[in-house]
C-alpha cells in the first residue's frame, strides 16, 4: 500500500473515531480528550502499532497547527467584555495556582531527600498546564459563554503558561547560581526572548491585522484570512525561537479587542479546530510511552501528589484573597490539572543546561505527563460539572 493511501486511511479512521468519542463523552464521565488519548495509546506502538509512519512522522506539524489555533482562540477570550469584573480574580488565581504548585512540589521533593537543584527544577516544571486539553473540555461542556467559572478557567489557562515560563526561567537562574555556573543570567535572557519576543510578534501582526480584517469582503473575514494570520504568526515565532503559543494568544487578544468585526475569524476557526484536535490527541496518545511509568518511583509520586495539592491549594488561596465565589475556591485548581508538552519542553531545556540531572528530569517529566494527560481532563470535567450545578 502506498504511503498516501496509508495516510488518508489513517486520517479518515481517526476522524470517524473522533465522532464516536464525542458521542461516548457526552454519555459517560470520561471527556473526549481522555478517550482520544486512550484510543491513541491502543493503536500506538505501545499496543497495536496501527499508526503508519506516514502519519506519525507528521506529529510535530499537526501538533503545532492545533496548538496555534488553541492559542489564537484563547487569546480571543481576553477581551474587555470577557474580563469585566474578573481581572482581580484572574491575576490572583492564575499566579497563586502556578506559584503554589511550584512551592509544594519543590518542598515535597526536598523533604524526600531529592537534590535541591532537582527539587527546584521539577517544582518549576509542575506549574505548566495543558491549554489544549483544558479548552477542549470546556468547549465540550458548552459552558464557555454562559458560566463565569468556565470563562475564568479559559482566561487563567491563557495566562498560566506565561507564569510557568517566567517561574521556570527564574528557577533555571537560581539553580545555575546555586551550582556556581557562569551563565546564571542566561535563563533570564531566555525568558526575555521567549516571552518578550512572542508578545512583540503578536502585537506586530495583531495590530495591522485588526485594522485590515474584513476589508476583502466587508464585515465578513474569511477562514483563509484567519488561518493565514495564525499560521504566519506561528511560523515566524518558530523561526525566531520564541513561544508560538504566547505569540498567537497575543495576536488573538489584540484582534479581539481592536477589530470591528473580531468575532468572525474566531468563529470560523472554531468550525475547523476540532478535526485538527482529534488527530492531535490521538497522535499524542500514540506517542505516550507507558514504559516510562516503570521509572516513576517515589519522586514521581511526590511530584504528582504535590502538583495536585499545589494547584488546588494555590487556586483556593488566590480565590480567597480576591473574594471569589465558593465554587471557584473549591474547584478551579482541580480544573487546572491537565499537563502536556510544555512541561516536557521545559524538562528538555533544563536537562540540556544541567546534563548531570538529565535522566531524572526527563523520566519524571515524561512519566507524570502520561498521568496528567489522561487523568487531568477527567478532573477538569468533574470541576466543570460541579460548577454548572
Protein backbone atom coordinates (compact mmCIF):
# COMPACT_ATOMS: atom_id res chain seq x y z
CA UNK A 1 0.00 0.00 0.00
CA UNK A 2 1.31 3.46 -0.89
CA UNK A 3 2.21 5.99 1.79
CA UNK A 4 -0.53 8.32 0.54
CA UNK A 5 -3.18 5.59 0.84
CA UNK A 6 -1.98 4.70 4.35
CA UNK A 7 -2.02 8.36 5.35
CA UNK A 8 -5.55 9.02 4.06
CA UNK A 9 -6.99 5.81 5.53
CA UNK A 10 -5.44 6.63 8.92
CA UNK A 11 -6.74 10.23 8.87
CA UNK A 12 -10.22 9.10 7.84
CA UNK A 13 -10.34 6.43 10.53
CA UNK A 14 -9.13 8.82 13.24
CA UNK A 15 -11.71 11.47 12.34
CA UNK A 16 -14.52 8.89 12.44
CA UNK A 17 -13.28 7.73 15.83
CA UNK A 18 -13.49 11.37 16.88
CA UNK A 19 -17.23 11.30 16.19
CA UNK A 20 -17.61 8.15 18.29
CA UNK A 21 -15.62 9.58 21.22
CA UNK A 22 -17.68 12.77 21.05
CA UNK A 23 -20.84 10.69 21.46
CA UNK A 24 -19.39 8.49 24.22
CA UNK A 25 -18.00 11.53 26.04
CA UNK A 26 -21.47 13.06 26.24
CA UNK A 27 -22.88 9.93 27.85
CA UNK A 28 -20.09 8.90 30.25
CA UNK A 29 -17.88 10.51 32.89
CA UNK A 30 -14.87 10.39 30.53
CA UNK A 31 -14.18 13.54 28.48
CA UNK A 32 -13.49 13.02 24.79
CA UNK A 33 -9.89 14.18 25.20
CA UNK A 34 -9.14 11.28 27.55
CA UNK A 35 -10.98 8.85 25.25
CA UNK A 36 -8.94 10.03 22.25
CA UNK A 37 -5.70 9.67 24.21
CA UNK A 38 -6.65 6.14 25.30
CA UNK A 39 -7.51 5.27 21.70
CA UNK A 40 -4.14 6.69 20.63
CA UNK A 41 -2.35 4.53 23.19
CA UNK A 42 -4.27 1.48 21.94
CA UNK A 43 -3.32 1.98 18.29
CA UNK A 44 0.17 3.30 19.04
CA UNK A 45 3.49 1.48 19.30
CA UNK A 46 2.86 0.59 22.95
CA UNK A 47 -0.02 -1.70 21.90
CA UNK A 48 -1.32 -2.49 18.39
CA UNK A 49 1.14 -0.33 16.38
CA UNK A 50 -1.50 0.62 13.80
CA UNK A 51 -0.40 4.22 13.20
CA UNK A 52 1.52 4.34 9.88
CA UNK A 53 4.85 6.12 9.80
CA UNK A 54 3.50 8.42 7.08
CA UNK A 55 1.16 9.90 9.71
CA UNK A 56 3.24 9.63 12.90
CA UNK A 57 6.07 11.47 11.12
CA UNK A 58 3.71 14.46 10.80
CA UNK A 59 3.03 14.65 14.55
CA UNK A 60 5.11 17.79 15.10
CA UNK A 61 3.48 19.97 12.38
CA UNK A 62 -0.01 18.71 13.29
CA UNK A 63 0.69 19.48 16.97
CA UNK A 64 1.89 22.97 16.13
CA UNK A 65 -1.11 23.69 13.91
CA UNK A 66 -3.56 22.52 16.58
CA UNK A 67 -1.87 24.49 19.35
CA UNK A 68 -1.68 27.61 17.20
CA UNK A 69 -5.44 27.56 16.79
CA UNK A 70 -5.89 26.90 20.51
CA UNK A 71 -3.64 29.86 21.35
CA UNK A 72 -5.48 32.17 18.95
CA UNK A 73 -8.89 31.18 20.33
CA UNK A 74 -7.76 31.54 23.94
CA UNK A 75 -6.37 34.99 23.17
CA UNK A 76 -9.74 35.87 21.69
CA UNK A 77 -11.30 35.32 25.13
CA UNK A 78 -9.08 38.03 26.66
CA UNK A 79 -11.36 40.91 25.74
CA UNK A 80 -12.58 43.79 27.85
CA UNK A 81 -16.06 42.28 27.82
CA UNK A 82 -14.92 38.83 28.95
CA UNK A 83 -12.60 40.23 31.62
CA UNK A 84 -15.10 42.73 33.00
CA UNK A 85 -15.32 42.18 36.74
CA UNK A 86 -12.85 39.29 36.81
CA UNK A 87 -9.42 40.91 36.39
CA UNK A 88 -8.62 40.71 40.09
CA UNK A 89 -9.67 37.07 40.33
CA UNK A 90 -7.82 36.20 37.12
CA UNK A 91 -4.50 37.60 38.30
CA UNK A 92 -4.68 36.25 41.84
CA UNK A 93 -5.88 32.74 40.99
CA UNK A 94 -3.57 32.26 38.00
CA UNK A 95 -0.47 33.45 39.87
CA UNK A 96 -1.14 31.61 43.13
CA UNK A 97 -2.06 28.37 41.34
CA UNK A 98 1.26 28.44 39.46
CA UNK A 99 3.36 29.50 42.45
CA UNK A 100 1.57 27.19 44.88
CA UNK A 101 2.24 24.24 42.63
CA UNK A 102 5.94 25.13 42.35
CA UNK A 103 6.39 25.63 46.11
CA UNK A 104 4.57 22.45 47.19
CA UNK A 105 6.34 20.19 44.68
CA UNK A 106 9.78 21.68 45.40
CA UNK A 107 9.25 21.47 49.16
CA UNK A 108 7.93 17.91 48.98
CA UNK A 109 10.87 16.70 46.90
CA UNK A 110 13.34 18.47 49.20
CA UNK A 111 11.82 16.79 52.27
CA UNK A 112 12.02 13.49 50.40
CA UNK A 113 15.77 13.98 50.05
CA UNK A 114 16.00 14.82 46.35
CA UNK A 115 18.87 17.11 45.31
CA UNK A 116 17.85 20.74 45.85
CA UNK A 117 18.53 21.61 42.21
CA UNK A 118 16.25 18.80 41.04
CA UNK A 119 13.53 19.82 43.51
CA UNK A 120 13.60 23.43 42.27
CA UNK A 121 13.57 22.49 38.59
CA UNK A 122 10.76 19.94 38.92
CA UNK A 123 8.79 22.41 41.04
CA UNK A 124 9.03 24.96 38.24
CA UNK A 125 8.07 22.36 35.61
CA UNK A 126 4.99 21.43 37.67
CA UNK A 127 3.50 24.91 37.17
CA UNK A 128 2.79 24.33 33.45
CA UNK A 129 -0.66 23.25 32.24
CA UNK A 130 -2.19 21.94 29.00
CA UNK A 131 -4.29 24.64 27.32
CA UNK A 132 -5.41 22.32 24.51
CA UNK A 133 -6.96 19.66 26.74
CA UNK A 134 -8.47 22.17 29.17
CA UNK A 135 -10.05 24.34 26.49
CA UNK A 136 -11.45 21.30 24.69
CA UNK A 137 -13.15 20.04 27.86
CA UNK A 138 -14.69 23.50 28.32
CA UNK A 139 -15.80 23.53 24.68
CA UNK A 140 -17.29 20.05 25.10
CA UNK A 141 -19.27 21.26 28.13
CA UNK A 142 -20.77 24.08 26.02
CA UNK A 143 -20.37 26.40 29.02
CA UNK A 144 -17.68 28.83 27.88
CA UNK A 145 -20.06 31.70 27.09
CA UNK A 146 -22.59 31.05 29.85
CA UNK A 147 -20.77 30.15 33.01
CA UNK A 148 -18.46 32.56 34.90
CA UNK A 149 -16.38 29.63 36.16
CA UNK A 150 -15.73 28.36 32.62
CA UNK A 151 -14.89 31.85 31.35
CA UNK A 152 -12.46 32.41 34.22
CA UNK A 153 -10.90 28.97 33.62
CA UNK A 154 -10.21 29.77 29.95
CA UNK A 155 -8.71 33.13 30.89
CA UNK A 156 -6.48 31.51 33.53
CA UNK A 157 -5.31 28.85 31.09
CA UNK A 158 -4.39 31.60 28.62
CA UNK A 159 -2.08 33.15 31.24
CA UNK A 160 -0.93 30.01 33.01
CA UNK A 161 1.92 29.08 30.69
CA UNK A 162 3.15 32.68 30.73
CA UNK A 163 3.58 32.49 34.51
CA UNK A 164 5.02 28.98 34.18
CA UNK A 165 7.67 30.16 31.70
CA UNK A 166 8.60 33.08 33.95
CA UNK A 167 8.84 30.83 37.02
CA UNK A 168 10.82 28.23 35.08
CA UNK A 169 13.27 30.81 33.76
CA UNK A 170 13.83 32.20 37.25
CA UNK A 171 14.27 28.64 38.53
CA UNK A 172 16.94 27.98 35.91
CA UNK A 173 18.78 31.11 37.01
CA UNK A 174 18.56 30.13 40.70
CA UNK A 175 19.87 26.61 40.06
CA UNK A 176 22.67 27.93 37.84
CA UNK A 177 23.70 30.30 40.62
CA UNK A 178 23.48 27.51 43.24
CA UNK A 179 25.74 25.26 41.18
CA UNK A 180 28.23 28.06 40.61
CA UNK A 181 27.59 28.28 36.87
CA UNK A 182 28.80 31.25 34.90
CA UNK A 183 25.57 31.52 32.98
CA UNK A 184 23.23 32.39 35.83
CA UNK A 185 21.90 35.33 33.87
CA UNK A 186 21.33 33.44 30.63
CA UNK A 187 17.99 31.91 31.70
CA UNK A 188 16.65 35.41 32.34
CA UNK A 189 17.71 36.38 28.84
CA UNK A 190 15.96 33.22 27.62
CA UNK A 191 12.75 34.36 29.37
CA UNK A 192 13.00 37.86 27.91
CA UNK A 193 13.50 36.46 24.41
CA UNK A 194 10.87 33.72 24.65
CA UNK A 195 8.09 35.74 26.29
CA UNK A 196 9.02 39.30 25.30
CA UNK A 197 9.73 38.33 21.71
CA UNK A 198 6.43 36.46 21.48
CA UNK A 199 4.49 39.44 22.86
CA UNK A 200 6.16 41.81 20.39
CA UNK A 201 5.49 39.45 17.49
CA UNK A 202 1.82 39.07 18.45
CA UNK A 203 1.47 42.86 18.62
CA UNK A 204 3.35 43.40 15.36
CA UNK A 205 0.99 41.10 13.45
CA UNK A 206 -2.16 41.66 15.51
CA UNK A 207 -2.35 45.46 15.27
CA UNK A 208 -2.33 45.74 11.46
CA UNK A 209 -4.48 42.60 11.19
CA UNK A 210 -7.10 44.18 13.47
CA UNK A 211 -7.34 47.15 11.09
CA UNK A 212 -7.31 45.10 7.88
CA UNK A 213 -9.57 42.19 8.82
CA UNK A 214 -12.88 42.17 6.99
CA UNK A 215 -11.72 44.51 4.21
CA UNK A 216 -11.73 41.95 1.38
CA UNK A 217 -15.39 41.13 2.00
CA UNK A 218 -16.70 43.97 4.19
CA UNK A 219 -17.70 42.75 7.62
CA UNK A 220 -17.01 39.11 6.73
CA UNK A 221 -13.43 37.99 7.47
CA UNK A 222 -12.75 34.73 5.67
CA UNK A 223 -11.46 31.44 7.04
CA UNK A 224 -8.41 31.70 4.79
CA UNK A 225 -7.69 35.13 6.27
CA UNK A 226 -7.91 33.89 9.86
CA UNK A 227 -5.85 30.74 9.26
CA UNK A 228 -3.31 32.69 7.25
CA UNK A 229 -2.71 35.05 10.18
CA UNK A 230 -2.49 32.18 12.69
CA UNK A 231 -0.03 30.11 10.68
CA UNK A 232 2.02 33.15 9.65
CA UNK A 233 2.37 34.25 13.28
CA UNK A 234 3.18 30.72 14.44
CA UNK A 235 5.69 30.10 11.68
CA UNK A 236 7.56 33.34 12.36
CA UNK A 237 7.56 32.53 16.09
CA UNK A 238 9.09 29.11 15.45
CA UNK A 239 11.66 30.66 13.10
CA UNK A 240 12.61 33.25 15.74
CA UNK A 241 12.63 30.62 18.53
CA UNK A 242 10.03 32.42 20.64
CA UNK A 243 6.88 30.96 22.21
CA UNK A 244 4.41 30.42 19.35
CA UNK A 245 1.61 29.80 21.86
CA UNK A 246 2.10 33.19 23.56
CA UNK A 247 2.55 34.90 20.18
CA UNK A 248 -0.76 33.62 18.81
CA UNK A 249 -2.54 34.32 22.12
CA UNK A 250 -1.28 37.91 21.97
CA UNK A 251 -2.34 38.28 18.34
CA UNK A 252 -5.77 36.84 19.13
CA UNK A 253 -6.24 39.19 22.08
CA UNK A 254 -5.18 42.24 20.01
CA UNK A 255 -7.53 41.36 17.13
CA UNK A 256 -10.40 40.59 19.52
CA UNK A 257 -10.04 43.95 21.26
CA UNK A 258 -9.33 46.22 18.30
CA UNK A 259 -11.04 44.74 15.22
CA UNK A 260 -14.52 45.98 14.41
CA UNK A 261 -15.67 42.52 13.30
CA UNK A 262 -13.39 40.48 15.51
CA UNK A 263 -15.82 37.64 16.28
CA UNK A 264 -15.98 36.29 12.75
CA UNK A 265 -12.42 34.94 12.41
CA UNK A 266 -12.71 33.20 15.79
CA UNK A 267 -15.99 31.55 14.84
CA UNK A 268 -14.51 30.44 11.52
CA UNK A 269 -11.53 28.76 13.21
CA UNK A 270 -13.76 27.13 15.83
CA UNK A 271 -15.54 25.40 12.94
CA UNK A 272 -12.41 23.56 11.79
CA UNK A 273 -10.44 23.30 15.03
CA UNK A 274 -11.95 20.00 16.21
CA UNK A 275 -10.67 17.78 13.32
CA UNK A 276 -7.12 19.01 14.00
CA UNK A 277 -7.59 18.39 17.71
CA UNK A 278 -8.82 14.84 17.09
CA UNK A 279 -5.70 13.96 15.12
CA UNK A 280 -3.50 15.79 17.64
CA UNK A 281 -4.84 13.94 20.70
CA UNK A 282 -4.78 10.53 19.02
CA UNK A 283 -1.18 11.01 17.92
CA UNK A 284 -0.33 12.38 21.38
CA UNK A 285 -1.75 9.21 22.91
CA UNK A 286 0.17 7.07 20.42
CA UNK A 287 3.40 8.83 21.41
CA UNK A 288 2.93 8.26 25.17
CA UNK A 289 5.44 5.74 26.49
CA UNK A 290 3.90 3.79 29.33
CA UNK A 291 7.25 2.13 29.89
CA UNK A 292 8.24 5.47 31.42
CA UNK A 293 5.87 4.72 34.30
CA UNK A 294 8.21 1.93 35.40
CA UNK A 295 10.72 4.57 36.49
CA UNK A 296 8.18 6.78 38.22
CA UNK A 297 9.17 5.80 41.76
CA UNK A 298 8.70 7.81 44.93
CA UNK A 299 9.93 11.07 43.39
CA UNK A 300 7.30 10.82 40.67
CA UNK A 301 4.58 10.01 43.20
CA UNK A 302 5.53 13.05 45.29
CA UNK A 303 5.53 15.18 42.13
CA UNK A 304 2.00 14.03 41.24
CA UNK A 305 0.57 14.45 44.73
CA UNK A 306 2.40 17.75 45.27
CA UNK A 307 1.18 19.15 41.95
CA UNK A 308 -2.42 18.24 42.75
CA UNK A 309 -2.19 19.78 46.23
CA UNK A 310 -0.35 22.83 44.91
CA UNK A 311 -2.82 23.58 42.11
CA UNK A 312 -5.89 23.08 44.27
CA UNK A 313 -4.43 24.88 47.31
CA UNK A 314 -2.91 27.71 45.27
CA UNK A 315 -6.14 28.36 43.37
CA UNK A 316 -8.10 28.26 46.64
CA UNK A 317 -5.74 30.82 48.17
CA UNK A 318 -5.98 33.16 45.17
CA UNK A 319 -9.76 32.85 45.08
CA UNK A 320 -9.97 33.60 48.80
CA UNK A 321 -7.77 36.70 48.55
CA UNK A 322 -9.76 38.04 45.60
CA UNK A 323 -13.13 37.27 47.25
CA UNK A 324 -14.17 34.86 44.53
CA UNK A 325 -17.23 32.62 44.91
CA UNK A 326 -17.09 29.29 46.75
CA UNK A 327 -17.32 27.23 43.55
CA UNK A 328 -14.15 28.81 42.18
CA UNK A 329 -12.38 28.34 45.51
CA UNK A 330 -13.09 24.64 45.66
CA UNK A 331 -12.88 23.53 42.03
CA UNK A 332 -10.68 25.88 39.97
CA UNK A 333 -7.42 24.19 40.99
CA UNK A 334 -8.83 20.80 40.04
CA UNK A 335 -9.75 22.13 36.60
CA UNK A 336 -6.11 23.20 36.01
CA UNK A 337 -4.55 19.74 36.40
CA UNK A 338 -4.04 18.71 32.72
CA UNK A 339 -0.37 18.93 31.75
CA UNK A 340 1.38 18.06 28.50
CA UNK A 341 4.01 19.24 26.06
CA UNK A 342 5.09 22.48 27.71
CA UNK A 343 6.30 20.57 30.77
CA UNK A 344 8.27 18.13 28.64
CA UNK A 345 9.79 21.04 26.72
CA UNK A 346 10.86 22.65 29.99
CA UNK A 347 12.44 19.37 31.09
CA UNK A 348 14.41 19.22 27.84
CA UNK A 349 15.66 22.78 28.29
CA UNK A 350 16.67 22.09 31.92
CA UNK A 351 18.35 18.80 31.05
CA UNK A 352 20.38 20.48 28.32
CA UNK A 353 21.56 23.16 30.74
CA UNK A 354 22.20 20.70 33.59
CA UNK A 355 23.09 17.40 31.88
CA UNK A 356 24.01 15.75 35.18
CA UNK A 357 20.28 15.75 36.06
CA UNK A 358 19.02 14.76 32.60
CA UNK A 359 17.88 11.18 33.46
CA UNK A 360 15.77 12.13 36.47
CA UNK A 361 14.30 15.30 34.92
CA UNK A 362 13.23 13.61 31.70
CA UNK A 363 11.95 10.41 33.31
CA UNK A 364 9.81 12.29 35.85
CA UNK A 365 8.50 14.82 33.31
CA UNK A 366 7.57 12.16 30.75
CA UNK A 367 6.08 9.68 33.22
CA UNK A 368 3.97 12.25 35.09
CA UNK A 369 2.79 13.69 31.77
CA UNK A 370 1.29 10.29 31.00
CA UNK A 371 -0.73 10.50 34.21
CA UNK A 372 -1.86 14.13 33.94
CA UNK A 373 -2.55 13.96 30.21
CA UNK A 374 -5.07 11.13 30.70
CA UNK A 375 -6.41 11.82 34.22
CA UNK A 376 -6.22 15.65 34.11
CA UNK A 377 -9.17 16.17 31.72
CA UNK A 378 -11.31 13.94 33.95
CA UNK A 379 -10.63 16.28 36.88
CA UNK A 380 -11.40 19.29 34.66
CA UNK A 381 -14.69 17.83 33.54
CA UNK A 382 -15.69 16.95 37.11
CA UNK A 383 -14.92 20.52 38.21
CA UNK A 384 -16.98 21.97 35.36
CA UNK A 385 -19.90 19.69 36.13
CA UNK A 386 -19.90 20.79 39.76
CA UNK A 387 -19.62 24.44 38.72
CA UNK A 388 -22.58 24.14 36.34
CA UNK A 389 -24.91 22.78 39.03
